[in-house]
Amino acid sequence: MKKLTVLLSVLLVLGLVSMSFAQQKAANPPAAQAKTFTGTISKVTPGDPAKKTPTEIVAVGNDQKEVTFHLGRNAVLTGADGKSITLDKLTSGTKVEIKYYVSRGGVNIARSIKVTG
C-alpha cells in the first residue's frame, strides 16, 4: 500500500510539472519579426469600428509593387517633423516608412507610419 501511494504521488507530480511546461509554451508565442517598408501611399481606406473592419493602407514600394497594410490598434502615426499626426494626413502621394509585422494569417499589420517627405 505504501509503494502504491508513493507511485501515485510521483505520477501526480510529473503530471503537474508537464502541464506547467505546456502552459508556459502556449502563453509565450514567438514575437513577430518587425519589418520596414518604404514607399508612397496610393490609397487609404478608413476602418469602420461598427463593422469591425480595419483601416487599410495601400502603398507602392520602391520596387513599384503595391502592398496592403492594416493599421494596428496601437499604431503610431508621425509626421516628417517628428510630431504625432492623424490618419487624414496620410493621403495619396505621401512618402512613408512603415514598420510592420506579418500576422499568422499573412496580413501586414502596421505598427508605425512615419511621413518621410
PDB file of N, CA and C in Angstrom:
ATOM      1  N   MET A   1       0.819  -1.186   0.000  1.00  0.00           N
ATOM      2  CA  MET A   1       0.000   0.000   0.000  1.00  0.00           C
ATOM      3  C   MET A   1       0.865   1.253   0.000  1.00  0.00           C
ATOM      4  N   LYS A   2       1.956   1.199   0.774  1.00  0.00           N
ATOM      5  CA  LYS A   2       2.847   2.352   0.859  1.00  0.00           C
ATOM      6  C   LYS A   2       3.503   2.609  -0.497  1.00  0.00           C
ATOM      7  N   LYS A   3       3.880   1.541  -1.225  1.00  0.00           N
ATOM      8  CA  LYS A   3       4.511   1.693  -2.538  1.00  0.00           C
ATOM      9  C   LYS A   3       3.524   2.304  -3.530  1.00  0.00           C
ATOM     10  N   LEU A   4       2.281   1.910  -3.441  1.00  0.00           N
ATOM     11  CA  LEU A   4       1.258   2.429  -4.331  1.00  0.00           C
ATOM     12  C   LEU A   4       1.057   3.933  -4.097  1.00  0.00           C
ATOM     13  N   THR A   5       1.057   4.369  -2.849  1.00  0.00           N
ATOM     14  CA  THR A   5       0.904   5.783  -2.510  1.00  0.00           C
ATOM     15  C   THR A   5       2.082   6.593  -3.048  1.00  0.00           C
ATOM     16  N   VAL A   6       3.286   6.076  -2.890  1.00  0.00           N
ATOM     17  CA  VAL A   6       4.480   6.767  -3.393  1.00  0.00           C
ATOM     18  C   VAL A   6       4.424   6.847  -4.914  1.00  0.00           C
ATOM     19  N   LEU A   7       4.051   5.752  -5.561  1.00  0.00           N
ATOM     20  CA  LEU A   7       3.973   5.721  -7.019  1.00  0.00           C
ATOM     21  C   LEU A   7       2.940   6.741  -7.530  1.00  0.00           C
ATOM     22  N   LEU A   8       1.778   6.790  -6.913  1.00  0.00           N
ATOM     23  CA  LEU A   8       0.755   7.747  -7.316  1.00  0.00           C
ATOM     24  C   LEU A   8       1.200   9.192  -7.077  1.00  0.00           C
ATOM     25  N   SER A   9       1.897   9.427  -5.998  1.00  0.00           N
ATOM     26  CA  SER A   9       2.413  10.767  -5.701  1.00  0.00           C
ATOM     27  C   SER A   9       3.408  11.218  -6.765  1.00  0.00           C
ATOM     28  N   VAL A  10       4.316  10.326  -7.158  1.00  0.00           N
ATOM     29  CA  VAL A  10       5.319  10.635  -8.184  1.00  0.00           C
ATOM     30  C   VAL A  10       4.630  10.924  -9.513  1.00  0.00           C
ATOM     31  N   LEU A  11       3.644  10.117  -9.879  1.00  0.00           N
ATOM     32  CA  LEU A  11       2.928  10.336 -11.135  1.00  0.00           C
ATOM     33  C   LEU A  11       2.167  11.662 -11.117  1.00  0.00           C
ATOM     34  N   LEU A  12       1.584  12.000  -9.994  1.00  0.00           N
ATOM     35  CA  LEU A  12       0.882  13.264  -9.866  1.00  0.00           C
ATOM     36  C   LEU A  12       1.832  14.448 -10.049  1.00  0.00           C
ATOM     37  N   VAL A  13       2.979  14.395  -9.409  1.00  0.00           N
ATOM     38  CA  VAL A  13       3.974  15.470  -9.530  1.00  0.00           C
ATOM     39  C   VAL A  13       4.455  15.583 -10.972  1.00  0.00           C
ATOM     40  N   LEU A  14       4.757  14.483 -11.628  1.00  0.00           N
ATOM     41  CA  LEU A  14       5.211  14.510 -13.021  1.00  0.00           C
ATOM     42  C   LEU A  14       4.125  15.090 -13.934  1.00  0.00           C
ATOM     43  N   GLY A  15       2.890  14.726 -13.670  1.00  0.00           N
ATOM     44  CA  GLY A  15       1.788  15.260 -14.469  1.00  0.00           C
ATOM     45  C   GLY A  15       1.649  16.764 -14.318  1.00  0.00           C
ATOM     46  N   LEU A  16       1.757  17.256 -13.102  1.00  0.00           N
ATOM     47  CA  LEU A  16       1.652  18.702 -12.863  1.00  0.00           C
ATOM     48  C   LEU A  16       2.806  19.461 -13.494  1.00  0.00           C
ATOM     49  N   VAL A  17       4.001  18.908 -13.413  1.00  0.00           N
ATOM     50  CA  VAL A  17       5.171  19.565 -13.998  1.00  0.00           C
ATOM     51  C   VAL A  17       5.023  19.640 -15.513  1.00  0.00           C
ATOM     52  N   SER A  18       4.598  18.559 -16.147  1.00  0.00           N
ATOM     53  CA  SER A  18       4.455  18.572 -17.609  1.00  0.00           C
ATOM     54  C   SER A  18       3.364  19.543 -18.049  1.00  0.00           C
ATOM     55  N   MET A  19       2.279  19.648 -17.285  1.00  0.00           N
ATOM     56  CA  MET A  19       1.231  20.622 -17.616  1.00  0.00           C
ATOM     57  C   MET A  19       1.744  22.045 -17.458  1.00  0.00           C
ATOM     58  N   SER A  20       2.587  22.268 -16.489  1.00  0.00           N
ATOM     59  CA  SER A  20       3.161  23.594 -16.272  1.00  0.00           C
ATOM     60  C   SER A  20       4.005  24.025 -17.470  1.00  0.00           C
ATOM     61  N   PHE A  21       4.836  23.100 -17.992  1.00  0.00           N
ATOM     62  CA  PHE A  21       5.660  23.414 -19.158  1.00  0.00           C
ATOM     63  C   PHE A  21       4.784  23.669 -20.381  1.00  0.00           C
ATOM     64  N   ALA A  22       3.739  22.901 -20.548  1.00  0.00           N
ATOM     65  CA  ALA A  22       2.850  23.072 -21.694  1.00  0.00           C
ATOM     66  C   ALA A  22       2.182  24.444 -21.650  1.00  0.00           C
ATOM     67  N   GLN A  23       1.761  24.899 -20.482  1.00  0.00           N
ATOM     68  CA  GLN A  23       1.124  26.197 -20.362  1.00  0.00           C
ATOM     69  C   GLN A  23       2.100  27.328 -20.634  1.00  0.00           C
ATOM     70  N   GLN A  24       3.336  27.194 -20.208  1.00  0.00           N
ATOM     71  CA  GLN A  24       4.323  28.247 -20.445  1.00  0.00           C
ATOM     72  C   GLN A  24       4.582  28.409 -21.932  1.00  0.00           C
ATOM     73  N   LYS A  25       4.670  27.329 -22.670  1.00  0.00           N
ATOM     74  CA  LYS A  25       4.914  27.427 -24.102  1.00  0.00           C
ATOM     75  C   LYS A  25       3.748  28.087 -24.807  1.00  0.00           C
ATOM     76  N   ALA A  26       2.536  27.760 -24.435  1.00  0.00           N
ATOM     77  CA  ALA A  26       1.370  28.349 -25.071  1.00  0.00           C
ATOM     78  C   ALA A  26       1.226  29.833 -24.727  1.00  0.00           C
ATOM     79  N   ALA A  27       1.608  30.215 -23.539  1.00  0.00           N
ATOM     80  CA  ALA A  27       1.441  31.603 -23.106  1.00  0.00           C
ATOM     81  C   ALA A  27       2.475  32.542 -23.716  1.00  0.00           C
ATOM     82  N   ASN A  28       3.589  32.022 -24.194  1.00  0.00           N
ATOM     83  CA  ASN A  28       4.655  32.863 -24.737  1.00  0.00           C
ATOM     84  C   ASN A  28       4.940  32.535 -26.198  1.00  0.00           C
ATOM     85  N   PRO A  29       4.026  32.925 -27.136  1.00  0.00           N
ATOM     86  CA  PRO A  29       4.303  32.661 -28.540  1.00  0.00           C
ATOM     87  C   PRO A  29       5.473  33.525 -29.006  1.00  0.00           C
ATOM     88  N   PRO A  30       6.173  33.106 -30.041  1.00  0.00           N
ATOM     89  CA  PRO A  30       7.307  33.898 -30.509  1.00  0.00           C
ATOM     90  C   PRO A  30       6.841  35.261 -31.025  1.00  0.00           C
ATOM     91  N   ALA A  31       7.620  36.272 -30.734  1.00  0.00           N
ATOM     92  CA  ALA A  31       7.282  37.626 -31.171  1.00  0.00           C
ATOM     93  C   ALA A  31       7.395  37.731 -32.692  1.00  0.00           C
ATOM     94  N   ALA A  32       6.469  38.465 -33.291  1.00  0.00           N
ATOM     95  CA  ALA A  32       6.504  38.657 -34.730  1.00  0.00           C
ATOM     96  C   ALA A  32       7.705  39.521 -35.086  1.00  0.00           C
ATOM     97  N   GLN A  33       8.350  39.147 -36.163  1.00  0.00           N
ATOM     98  CA  GLN A  33       9.548  39.865 -36.575  1.00  0.00           C
ATOM     99  C   GLN A  33       9.160  41.191 -37.227  1.00  0.00           C
ATOM    100  N   ALA A  34       9.753  42.267 -36.753  1.00  0.00           N
ATOM    101  CA  ALA A  34       9.474  43.597 -37.295  1.00  0.00           C
ATOM    102  C   ALA A  34      10.130  43.756 -38.663  1.00  0.00           C
ATOM    103  N   LYS A  35       9.394  44.384 -39.576  1.00  0.00           N
ATOM    104  CA  LYS A  35       9.896  44.644 -40.920  1.00  0.00           C
ATOM    105  C   LYS A  35       9.695  46.125 -41.229  1.00  0.00           C
ATOM    106  N   THR A  36      10.395  46.610 -42.232  1.00  0.00           N
ATOM    107  CA  THR A  36      10.281  48.009 -42.635  1.00  0.00           C
ATOM    108  C   THR A  36       9.972  48.095 -44.119  1.00  0.00           C
ATOM    109  N   PHE A  37       9.028  48.956 -44.472  1.00  0.00           N
ATOM    110  CA  PHE A  37       8.631  49.189 -45.858  1.00  0.00           C
ATOM    111  C   PHE A  37       8.798  50.675 -46.134  1.00  0.00           C
ATOM    112  N   THR A  38       9.359  51.010 -47.280  1.00  0.00           N
ATOM    113  CA  THR A  38       9.495  52.404 -47.687  1.00  0.00           C
ATOM    114  C   THR A  38       8.817  52.562 -49.036  1.00  0.00           C
ATOM    115  N   GLY A  39       7.948  53.557 -49.140  1.00  0.00           N
ATOM    116  CA  GLY A  39       7.246  53.766 -50.400  1.00  0.00           C
ATOM    117  C   GLY A  39       6.335  54.966 -50.354  1.00  0.00           C
ATOM    118  N   THR A  40       5.331  54.949 -51.252  1.00  0.00           N
ATOM    119  CA  THR A  40       4.397  56.063 -51.404  1.00  0.00           C
ATOM    120  C   THR A  40       2.971  55.546 -51.266  1.00  0.00           C
ATOM    121  N   ILE A  41       2.175  56.228 -50.458  1.00  0.00           N
ATOM    122  CA  ILE A  41       0.783  55.822 -50.271  1.00  0.00           C
ATOM    123  C   ILE A  41       0.000  56.052 -51.557  1.00  0.00           C
ATOM    124  N   SER A  42      -0.799  55.048 -51.943  1.00  0.00           N
ATOM    125  CA  SER A  42      -1.665  55.218 -53.103  1.00  0.00           C
ATOM    126  C   SER A  42      -3.133  55.283 -52.700  1.00  0.00           C
ATOM    127  N   LYS A  43      -3.477  54.701 -51.519  1.00  0.00           N
ATOM    128  CA  LYS A  43      -4.884  54.704 -51.107  1.00  0.00           C
ATOM    129  C   LYS A  43      -4.989  54.453 -49.606  1.00  0.00           C
ATOM    130  N   VAL A  44      -5.888  55.174 -48.943  1.00  0.00           N
ATOM    131  CA  VAL A  44      -6.190  54.957 -47.524  1.00  0.00           C
ATOM    132  C   VAL A  44      -7.693  54.748 -47.401  1.00  0.00           C
ATOM    133  N   THR A  45      -8.079  53.633 -46.810  1.00  0.00           N
ATOM    134  CA  THR A  45      -9.489  53.335 -46.581  1.00  0.00           C
ATOM    135  C   THR A  45      -9.715  53.241 -45.074  1.00  0.00           C
ATOM    136  N   PRO A  46     -10.391  54.266 -44.488  1.00  0.00           N
ATOM    137  CA  PRO A  46     -10.628  54.229 -43.045  1.00  0.00           C
ATOM    138  C   PRO A  46     -11.472  53.016 -42.644  1.00  0.00           C
ATOM    139  N   GLY A  47     -11.150  52.463 -41.494  1.00  0.00           N
ATOM    140  CA  GLY A  47     -11.906  51.330 -40.984  1.00  0.00           C
ATOM    141  C   GLY A  47     -13.231  51.775 -40.397  1.00  0.00           C
ATOM    142  N   ASP A  48     -14.083  50.787 -40.125  1.00  0.00           N
ATOM    143  CA  ASP A  48     -15.389  51.044 -39.524  1.00  0.00           C
ATOM    144  C   ASP A  48     -15.508  50.201 -38.263  1.00  0.00           C
ATOM    145  N   PRO A  49     -15.361  50.827 -37.076  1.00  0.00           N
ATOM    146  CA  PRO A  49     -15.439  50.068 -35.825  1.00  0.00           C
ATOM    147  C   PRO A  49     -16.754  49.310 -35.665  1.00  0.00           C
ATOM    148  N   ALA A  50     -17.864  49.859 -36.170  1.00  0.00           N
ATOM    149  CA  ALA A  50     -19.155  49.193 -36.042  1.00  0.00           C
ATOM    150  C   ALA A  50     -19.174  47.867 -36.811  1.00  0.00           C
ATOM    151  N   LYS A  51     -18.495  47.864 -37.954  1.00  0.00           N
ATOM    152  CA  LYS A  51     -18.427  46.638 -38.775  1.00  0.00           C
ATOM    153  C   LYS A  51     -17.166  45.827 -38.484  1.00  0.00           C
ATOM    154  N   LYS A  52     -16.342  46.345 -37.573  1.00  0.00           N
ATOM    155  CA  LYS A  52     -15.072  45.705 -37.194  1.00  0.00           C
ATOM    156  C   LYS A  52     -14.145  45.511 -38.394  1.00  0.00           C
ATOM    157  N   THR A  53     -14.124  46.511 -39.285  1.00  0.00           N
ATOM    158  CA  THR A  53     -13.197  46.474 -40.407  1.00  0.00           C
ATOM    159  C   THR A  53     -12.010  47.379 -40.094  1.00  0.00           C
ATOM    160  N   PRO A  54     -10.802  46.917 -40.407  1.00  0.00           N
ATOM    161  CA  PRO A  54      -9.610  47.714 -40.097  1.00  0.00           C
ATOM    162  C   PRO A  54      -9.359  48.817 -41.125  1.00  0.00           C
ATOM    163  N   THR A  55      -8.602  49.818 -40.711  1.00  0.00           N
ATOM    164  CA  THR A  55      -8.142  50.831 -41.654  1.00  0.00           C
ATOM    165  C   THR A  55      -7.123  50.162 -42.561  1.00  0.00           C
ATOM    166  N   GLU A  56      -7.268  50.385 -43.855  1.00  0.00           N
ATOM    167  CA  GLU A  56      -6.393  49.745 -44.832  1.00  0.00           C
ATOM    168  C   GLU A  56      -5.595  50.803 -45.573  1.00  0.00           C
ATOM    169  N   ILE A  57      -4.306  50.577 -45.682  1.00  0.00           N
ATOM    170  CA  ILE A  57      -3.421  51.498 -46.389  1.00  0.00           C
ATOM    171  C   ILE A  57      -2.726  50.724 -47.492  1.00  0.00           C
ATOM    172  N   VAL A  58      -2.844  51.222 -48.708  1.00  0.00           N
ATOM    173  CA  VAL A  58      -2.172  50.603 -49.853  1.00  0.00           C
ATOM    174  C   VAL A  58      -1.046  51.537 -50.251  1.00  0.00           C
ATOM    175  N   ALA A  59       0.160  50.975 -50.403  1.00  0.00           N
ATOM    176  CA  ALA A  59       1.322  51.782 -50.765  1.00  0.00           C
ATOM    177  C   ALA A  59       2.110  51.069 -51.854  1.00  0.00           C
ATOM    178  N   VAL A  60       2.837  51.864 -52.622  1.00  0.00           N
ATOM    179  CA  VAL A  60       3.692  51.330 -53.679  1.00  0.00           C
ATOM    180  C   VAL A  60       5.131  51.467 -53.224  1.00  0.00           C
ATOM    181  N   GLY A  61       5.853  50.358 -53.215  1.00  0.00           N
ATOM    182  CA  GLY A  61       7.236  50.356 -52.772  1.00  0.00           C
ATOM    183  C   GLY A  61       8.186  50.869 -53.834  1.00  0.00           C
ATOM    184  N   ASN A  62       9.436  50.982 -53.468  1.00  0.00           N
ATOM    185  CA  ASN A  62      10.463  51.450 -54.405  1.00  0.00           C
ATOM    186  C   ASN A  62      10.622  50.500 -55.591  1.00  0.00           C
ATOM    187  N   ASP A  63      10.180  49.243 -55.407  1.00  0.00           N
ATOM    188  CA  ASP A  63      10.236  48.260 -56.489  1.00  0.00           C
ATOM    189  C   ASP A  63       8.973  48.286 -57.353  1.00  0.00           C
ATOM    190  N   GLN A  64       8.109  49.289 -57.130  1.00  0.00           N
ATOM    191  CA  GLN A  64       6.863  49.515 -57.860  1.00  0.00           C
ATOM    192  C   GLN A  64       5.784  48.457 -57.594  1.00  0.00           C
ATOM    193  N   LYS A  65       5.949  47.680 -56.526  1.00  0.00           N
ATOM    194  CA  LYS A  65       4.939  46.688 -56.157  1.00  0.00           C
ATOM    195  C   LYS A  65       4.009  47.281 -55.112  1.00  0.00           C
ATOM    196  N   GLU A  66       2.726  47.008 -55.271  1.00  0.00           N
ATOM    197  CA  GLU A  66       1.712  47.504 -54.353  1.00  0.00           C
ATOM    198  C   GLU A  66       1.616  46.564 -53.146  1.00  0.00           C
ATOM    199  N   VAL A  67       1.578  47.138 -51.954  1.00  0.00           N
ATOM    200  CA  VAL A  67       1.493  46.366 -50.712  1.00  0.00           C
ATOM    201  C   VAL A  67       0.355  46.940 -49.868  1.00  0.00           C
ATOM    202  N   THR A  68      -0.443  46.050 -49.273  1.00  0.00           N
ATOM    203  CA  THR A  68      -1.565  46.471 -48.435  1.00  0.00           C
ATOM    204  C   THR A  68      -1.227  46.228 -46.969  1.00  0.00           C
ATOM    205  N   PHE A  69      -1.556  47.209 -46.133  1.00  0.00           N
ATOM    206  CA  PHE A  69      -1.323  47.123 -44.690  1.00  0.00           C
ATOM    207  C   PHE A  69      -2.631  47.383 -43.959  1.00  0.00           C
ATOM    208  N   HIS A  70      -2.827  46.702 -42.852  1.00  0.00           N
ATOM    209  CA  HIS A  70      -3.907  47.040 -41.923  1.00  0.00           C
ATOM    210  C   HIS A  70      -3.267  47.842 -40.804  1.00  0.00           C
ATOM    211  N   LEU A  71      -3.900  48.925 -40.433  1.00  0.00           N
ATOM    212  CA  LEU A  71      -3.371  49.776 -39.363  1.00  0.00           C
ATOM    213  C   LEU A  71      -3.626  49.093 -38.026  1.00  0.00           C
ATOM    214  N   GLY A  72      -2.556  48.816 -37.282  1.00  0.00           N
ATOM    215  CA  GLY A  72      -2.682  48.177 -35.973  1.00  0.00           C
ATOM    216  C   GLY A  72      -3.415  49.073 -34.982  1.00  0.00           C
ATOM    217  N   ARG A  73      -4.021  48.460 -33.964  1.00  0.00           N
ATOM    218  CA  ARG A  73      -4.795  49.208 -32.962  1.00  0.00           C
ATOM    219  C   ARG A  73      -3.988  50.303 -32.285  1.00  0.00           C
ATOM    220  N   ASN A  74      -2.743  50.023 -31.983  1.00  0.00           N
ATOM    221  CA  ASN A  74      -1.904  50.992 -31.267  1.00  0.00           C
ATOM    222  C   ASN A  74      -0.842  51.611 -32.167  1.00  0.00           C
ATOM    223  N   ALA A  75      -1.115  51.663 -33.452  1.00  0.00           N
ATOM    224  CA  ALA A  75      -0.140  52.207 -34.395  1.00  0.00           C
ATOM    225  C   ALA A  75       0.131  53.683 -34.116  1.00  0.00           C
ATOM    226  N   VAL A  76       1.383  54.064 -34.330  1.00  0.00           N
ATOM    227  CA  VAL A  76       1.811  55.448 -34.118  1.00  0.00           C
ATOM    228  C   VAL A  76       1.997  56.099 -35.486  1.00  0.00           C
ATOM    229  N   LEU A  77       1.347  57.238 -35.689  1.00  0.00           N
ATOM    230  CA  LEU A  77       1.472  57.995 -36.939  1.00  0.00           C
ATOM    231  C   LEU A  77       2.291  59.246 -36.657  1.00  0.00           C
ATOM    232  N   THR A  78       3.366  59.435 -37.440  1.00  0.00           N
ATOM    233  CA  THR A  78       4.293  60.536 -37.193  1.00  0.00           C
ATOM    234  C   THR A  78       4.521  61.316 -38.479  1.00  0.00           C
ATOM    235  N   GLY A  79       4.501  62.636 -38.354  1.00  0.00           N
ATOM    236  CA  GLY A  79       4.772  63.498 -39.497  1.00  0.00           C
ATOM    237  C   GLY A  79       6.269  63.617 -39.749  1.00  0.00           C
ATOM    238  N   ALA A  80       6.619  64.294 -40.835  1.00  0.00           N
ATOM    239  CA  ALA A  80       8.021  64.480 -41.193  1.00  0.00           C
ATOM    240  C   ALA A  80       8.768  65.286 -40.131  1.00  0.00           C
ATOM    241  N   ASP A  81       8.032  66.099 -39.363  1.00  0.00           N
ATOM    242  CA  ASP A  81       8.646  66.901 -38.302  1.00  0.00           C
ATOM    243  C   ASP A  81       8.806  66.137 -36.992  1.00  0.00           C
ATOM    244  N   GLY A  82       8.373  64.863 -36.982  1.00  0.00           N
ATOM    245  CA  GLY A  82       8.503  64.037 -35.782  1.00  0.00           C
ATOM    246  C   GLY A  82       7.327  64.143 -34.830  1.00  0.00           C
ATOM    247  N   LYS A  83       6.361  64.976 -35.158  1.00  0.00           N
ATOM    248  CA  LYS A  83       5.184  65.143 -34.295  1.00  0.00           C
ATOM    249  C   LYS A  83       4.080  64.179 -34.715  1.00  0.00           C
ATOM    250  N   SER A  84       3.247  63.840 -33.756  1.00  0.00           N
ATOM    251  CA  SER A  84       2.131  62.943 -33.989  1.00  0.00           C
ATOM    252  C   SER A  84       1.135  63.555 -34.976  1.00  0.00           C
ATOM    253  N   ILE A  85       0.591  62.723 -35.875  1.00  0.00           N
ATOM    254  CA  ILE A  85      -0.402  63.189 -36.849  1.00  0.00           C
ATOM    255  C   ILE A  85      -1.632  62.281 -36.795  1.00  0.00           C
ATOM    256  N   THR A  86      -2.687  62.715 -37.492  1.00  0.00           N
ATOM    257  CA  THR A  86      -3.908  61.926 -37.584  1.00  0.00           C
ATOM    258  C   THR A  86      -3.975  61.248 -38.952  1.00  0.00           C
ATOM    259  N   LEU A  87      -4.852  60.285 -39.061  1.00  0.00           N
ATOM    260  CA  LEU A  87      -4.961  59.480 -40.272  1.00  0.00           C
ATOM    261  C   LEU A  87      -5.239  60.315 -41.519  1.00  0.00           C
ATOM    262  N   ASP A  88      -5.993  61.392 -41.386  1.00  0.00           N
ATOM    263  CA  ASP A  88      -6.341  62.212 -42.554  1.00  0.00           C
ATOM    264  C   ASP A  88      -5.125  62.875 -43.207  1.00  0.00           C
ATOM    265  N   LYS A  89      -3.998  62.903 -42.513  1.00  0.00           N
ATOM    266  CA  LYS A  89      -2.763  63.473 -43.077  1.00  0.00           C
ATOM    267  C   LYS A  89      -2.063  62.489 -44.023  1.00  0.00           C
ATOM    268  N   LEU A  90      -2.476  61.224 -43.973  1.00  0.00           N
ATOM    269  CA  LEU A  90      -1.903  60.217 -44.866  1.00  0.00           C
ATOM    270  C   LEU A  90      -2.763  60.146 -46.120  1.00  0.00           C
ATOM    271  N   THR A  91      -2.291  60.811 -47.176  1.00  0.00           N
ATOM    272  CA  THR A  91      -3.056  60.881 -48.413  1.00  0.00           C
ATOM    273  C   THR A  91      -2.241  60.273 -49.559  1.00  0.00           C
ATOM    274  N   SER A  92      -2.916  60.064 -50.659  1.00  0.00           N
ATOM    275  CA  SER A  92      -2.264  59.520 -51.846  1.00  0.00           C
ATOM    276  C   SER A  92      -1.084  60.403 -52.240  1.00  0.00           C
ATOM    277  N   GLY A  93       0.050  59.801 -52.499  1.00  0.00           N
ATOM    278  CA  GLY A  93       1.256  60.523 -52.889  1.00  0.00           C
ATOM    279  C   GLY A  93       2.205  60.816 -51.742  1.00  0.00           C
ATOM    280  N   THR A  94       1.776  60.545 -50.498  1.00  0.00           N
ATOM    281  CA  THR A  94       2.626  60.800 -49.330  1.00  0.00           C
ATOM    282  C   THR A  94       3.699  59.716 -49.229  1.00  0.00           C
ATOM    283  N   LYS A  95       4.950  60.131 -49.117  1.00  0.00           N
ATOM    284  CA  LYS A  95       6.057  59.185 -48.960  1.00  0.00           C
ATOM    285  C   LYS A  95       6.153  58.794 -47.491  1.00  0.00           C
ATOM    286  N   VAL A  96       6.271  57.485 -47.228  1.00  0.00           N
ATOM    287  CA  VAL A  96       6.236  56.988 -45.857  1.00  0.00           C
ATOM    288  C   VAL A  96       7.240  55.864 -45.621  1.00  0.00           C
ATOM    289  N   GLU A  97       7.522  55.658 -44.336  1.00  0.00           N
ATOM    290  CA  GLU A  97       8.261  54.490 -43.871  1.00  0.00           C
ATOM    291  C   GLU A  97       7.320  53.786 -42.900  1.00  0.00           C
ATOM    292  N   ILE A  98       7.030  52.518 -43.180  1.00  0.00           N
ATOM    293  CA  ILE A  98       6.073  51.767 -42.371  1.00  0.00           C
ATOM    294  C   ILE A  98       6.801  50.630 -41.662  1.00  0.00           C
ATOM    295  N   LYS A  99       6.685  50.598 -40.345  1.00  0.00           N
ATOM    296  CA  LYS A  99       7.191  49.481 -39.536  1.00  0.00           C
ATOM    297  C   LYS A  99       6.000  48.546 -39.347  1.00  0.00           C
ATOM    298  N   TYR A 100       6.179  47.281 -39.688  1.00  0.00           N
ATOM    299  CA  TYR A 100       5.055  46.355 -39.638  1.00  0.00           C
ATOM    300  C   TYR A 100       5.514  44.940 -39.315  1.00  0.00           C
ATOM    301  N   TYR A 101       4.541  44.081 -39.106  1.00  0.00           N
ATOM    302  CA  TYR A 101       4.803  42.650 -38.958  1.00  0.00           C
ATOM    303  C   TYR A 101       3.735  41.908 -39.744  1.00  0.00           C
ATOM    304  N   VAL A 102       4.016  40.657 -40.045  1.00  0.00           N
ATOM    305  CA  VAL A 102       3.066  39.829 -40.777  1.00  0.00           C
ATOM    306  C   VAL A 102       2.351  38.932 -39.774  1.00  0.00           C
ATOM    307  N   SER A 103       1.027  39.014 -39.752  1.00  0.00           N
ATOM    308  CA  SER A 103       0.238  38.217 -38.806  1.00  0.00           C
ATOM    309  C   SER A 103       0.272  36.747 -39.219  1.00  0.00           C
ATOM    310  N   ARG A 104      -0.217  35.891 -38.336  1.00  0.00           N
ATOM    311  CA  ARG A 104      -0.286  34.454 -38.645  1.00  0.00           C
ATOM    312  C   ARG A 104      -1.144  34.188 -39.868  1.00  0.00           C
ATOM    313  N   GLY A 105      -2.104  35.064 -40.111  1.00  0.00           N
ATOM    314  CA  GLY A 105      -2.974  34.918 -41.274  1.00  0.00           C
ATOM    315  C   GLY A 105      -2.375  35.506 -42.549  1.00  0.00           C
ATOM    316  N   GLY A 106      -1.149  36.032 -42.464  1.00  0.00           N
ATOM    317  CA  GLY A 106      -0.474  36.586 -43.637  1.00  0.00           C
ATOM    318  C   GLY A 106      -0.808  38.037 -43.934  1.00  0.00           C
ATOM    319  N   VAL A 107      -1.406  38.737 -42.976  1.00  0.00           N
ATOM    320  CA  VAL A 107      -1.777  40.145 -43.166  1.00  0.00           C
ATOM    321  C   VAL A 107      -0.662  41.043 -42.626  1.00  0.00           C
ATOM    322  N   ASN A 108      -0.310  42.075 -43.398  1.00  0.00           N
ATOM    323  CA  ASN A 108       0.688  43.054 -42.955  1.00  0.00           C
ATOM    324  C   ASN A 108       0.025  44.021 -41.980  1.00  0.00           C
ATOM    325  N   ILE A 109       0.504  44.053 -40.728  1.00  0.00           N
ATOM    326  CA  ILE A 109      -0.066  44.916 -39.700  1.00  0.00           C
ATOM    327  C   ILE A 109       0.924  46.042 -39.407  1.00  0.00           C
ATOM    328  N   ALA A 110       0.515  47.281 -39.704  1.00  0.00           N
ATOM    329  CA  ALA A 110       1.380  48.446 -39.493  1.00  0.00           C
ATOM    330  C   ALA A 110       1.420  48.814 -38.017  1.00  0.00           C
ATOM    331  N   ARG A 111       2.638  48.890 -37.463  1.00  0.00           N
ATOM    332  CA  ARG A 111       2.831  49.326 -36.072  1.00  0.00           C
ATOM    333  C   ARG A 111       3.094  50.825 -36.003  1.00  0.00           C
ATOM    334  N   SER A 112       3.775  51.333 -37.025  1.00  0.00           N
ATOM    335  CA  SER A 112       4.038  52.774 -37.074  1.00  0.00           C
ATOM    336  C   SER A 112       4.182  53.209 -38.523  1.00  0.00           C
ATOM    337  N   ILE A 113       3.761  54.430 -38.773  1.00  0.00           N
ATOM    338  CA  ILE A 113       3.899  55.023 -40.104  1.00  0.00           C
ATOM    339  C   ILE A 113       4.501  56.412 -39.906  1.00  0.00           C
ATOM    340  N   LYS A 114       5.614  56.641 -40.586  1.00  0.00           N
ATOM    341  CA  LYS A 114       6.296  57.924 -40.483  1.00  0.00           C
ATOM    342  C   LYS A 114       6.350  58.556 -41.873  1.00  0.00           C
ATOM    343  N   VAL A 115       5.880  59.804 -41.958  1.00  0.00           N
ATOM    344  CA  VAL A 115       5.957  60.544 -43.217  1.00  0.00           C
ATOM    345  C   VAL A 115       7.413  60.922 -43.435  1.00  0.00           C
ATOM    346  N   THR A 116       7.918  60.638 -44.630  1.00  0.00           N
ATOM    347  CA  THR A 116       9.333  60.924 -44.911  1.00  0.00           C
ATOM    348  C   THR A 116       9.510  62.047 -45.917  1.00  0.00           C
ATOM    349  N   GLY A 117       8.458  62.498 -46.515  1.00  0.00           N
ATOM    350  CA  GLY A 117       8.617  63.580 -47.479  1.00  0.00           C
ATOM    351  C   GLY A 117       7.317  64.071 -48.029  1.00  0.00           C
TER     352      GLY A 117
END
